[in-house]
């Protein structure tokens, strides 16, 4: 599992709503156009594939920022809001 910060800038209201709805199924909204998503490689690839179908690359912008355990420990949050998603310390198979 990896933690990804996914941010977007989508000018079209209908397309932006569809993208936000899709992302809500994969992670947690932390700001209006920013999500934190804890994903396996398979889920990450699935999310990218589904987003690609909705985007207009000539108009839209979406960014994926992977966070490692090392960089995750350096994340600072100020003010109100939810804490940063913590990846599991172990995985049960």
Protein backbone atom coordinates (compact mmCIF):
# COMPACT_ATOMS: atom_id res chain seq x y z
CA UNK A 1 0.00 0.00 0.00
CA UNK A 2 1.15 3.48 -0.85
CA UNK A 3 -0.28 6.84 0.08
CA UNK A 4 -0.93 9.21 -2.82
CA UNK A 5 -1.96 12.83 -2.72
CA UNK A 6 -4.15 13.45 -5.75
CA UNK A 7 -4.98 17.03 -6.73
CA UNK A 8 -6.89 18.37 -9.69
CA UNK A 9 -7.89 21.53 -11.50
CA UNK A 10 -10.92 20.87 -13.70
CA UNK A 11 -12.68 23.91 -15.24
CA UNK A 12 -15.88 22.08 -16.26
CA UNK A 13 -18.39 21.69 -13.38
CA UNK A 14 -19.92 18.39 -14.56
CA UNK A 15 -16.55 16.78 -15.24
CA UNK A 16 -15.14 18.08 -11.93
CA UNK A 17 -18.10 16.52 -10.05
CA UNK A 18 -17.59 13.16 -11.77
CA UNK A 19 -13.88 13.18 -10.93
CA UNK A 20 -14.53 14.16 -7.29
CA UNK A 21 -17.15 11.42 -6.97
CA UNK A 22 -14.73 8.86 -8.41
CA UNK A 23 -11.92 9.94 -6.07
CA UNK A 24 -14.22 9.72 -3.04
CA UNK A 25 -14.44 5.99 -3.75
CA UNK A 26 -10.66 5.68 -3.54
CA UNK A 27 -9.65 8.03 -0.76
CA UNK A 28 -10.43 10.85 1.60
CA UNK A 29 -11.01 14.47 0.59
CA UNK A 30 -8.66 16.73 2.57
CA UNK A 31 -9.29 19.95 0.67
CA UNK A 32 -11.71 20.97 -2.05
CA UNK A 33 -9.65 19.53 -4.90
CA UNK A 34 -7.17 17.37 -2.96
CA UNK A 35 -7.53 13.75 -1.89
CA UNK A 36 -5.35 11.37 0.09
CA UNK A 37 -5.64 7.84 -1.25
CA UNK A 38 -4.13 4.74 0.32
CA UNK A 39 -3.85 2.34 -2.62
CA UNK A 40 -2.31 -0.91 -3.70
CA UNK A 41 -0.57 -0.89 -7.07
CA UNK A 42 -3.63 -2.57 -8.60
CA UNK A 43 -6.05 0.03 -7.17
CA UNK A 44 -3.74 2.88 -8.21
CA UNK A 45 -3.65 1.62 -11.79
CA UNK A 46 -7.44 1.15 -11.73
CA UNK A 47 -7.95 4.73 -10.51
CA UNK A 48 -5.63 6.12 -13.20
CA UNK A 49 -7.43 4.15 -15.92
CA UNK A 50 -10.85 5.37 -14.78
CA UNK A 51 -9.70 8.99 -14.43
CA UNK A 52 -8.15 8.95 -17.90
CA UNK A 53 -11.59 8.20 -19.37
CA UNK A 54 -13.07 11.31 -17.72
CA UNK A 55 -10.29 13.85 -18.34
CA UNK A 56 -9.86 16.24 -21.20
CA UNK A 57 -6.09 16.57 -21.27
CA UNK A 58 -6.24 19.79 -23.29
CA UNK A 59 -8.25 21.48 -20.49
CA UNK A 60 -7.75 19.57 -17.23
CA UNK A 61 -4.89 18.99 -14.83
CA UNK A 62 -4.50 16.16 -12.36
CA UNK A 63 -1.45 15.33 -10.25
CA UNK A 64 -0.45 12.23 -8.28
CA UNK A 65 2.09 12.64 -5.49
CA UNK A 66 3.30 9.37 -3.93
CA UNK A 67 4.37 9.64 -0.29
CA UNK A 68 6.84 7.21 1.21
CA UNK A 69 6.95 6.34 4.91
CA UNK A 70 9.98 8.64 5.16
CA UNK A 71 8.29 11.66 3.59
CA UNK A 72 4.96 10.92 5.27
CA UNK A 73 6.56 11.47 8.66
CA UNK A 74 7.56 14.97 7.50
CA UNK A 75 4.08 16.08 6.44
CA UNK A 76 2.81 19.07 8.42
CA UNK A 77 -0.82 20.03 8.73
CA UNK A 78 -1.88 23.39 10.15
CA UNK A 79 -5.33 24.54 11.13
CA UNK A 80 -8.58 22.64 11.05
CA UNK A 81 -9.17 19.45 9.14
CA UNK A 82 -8.64 15.76 9.28
CA UNK A 83 -5.24 14.18 10.09
CA UNK A 84 -3.06 12.69 7.38
CA UNK A 85 -3.99 9.09 6.55
CA UNK A 86 -1.51 6.74 8.19
CA UNK A 87 -0.55 3.65 6.17
CA UNK A 88 -0.97 0.33 7.98
CA UNK A 89 2.06 -0.93 9.87
CA UNK A 90 1.32 -4.47 8.76
CA UNK A 91 -0.77 -6.15 6.12
CA UNK A 92 -2.73 -9.34 6.77
CA UNK A 93 -3.02 -11.63 3.76
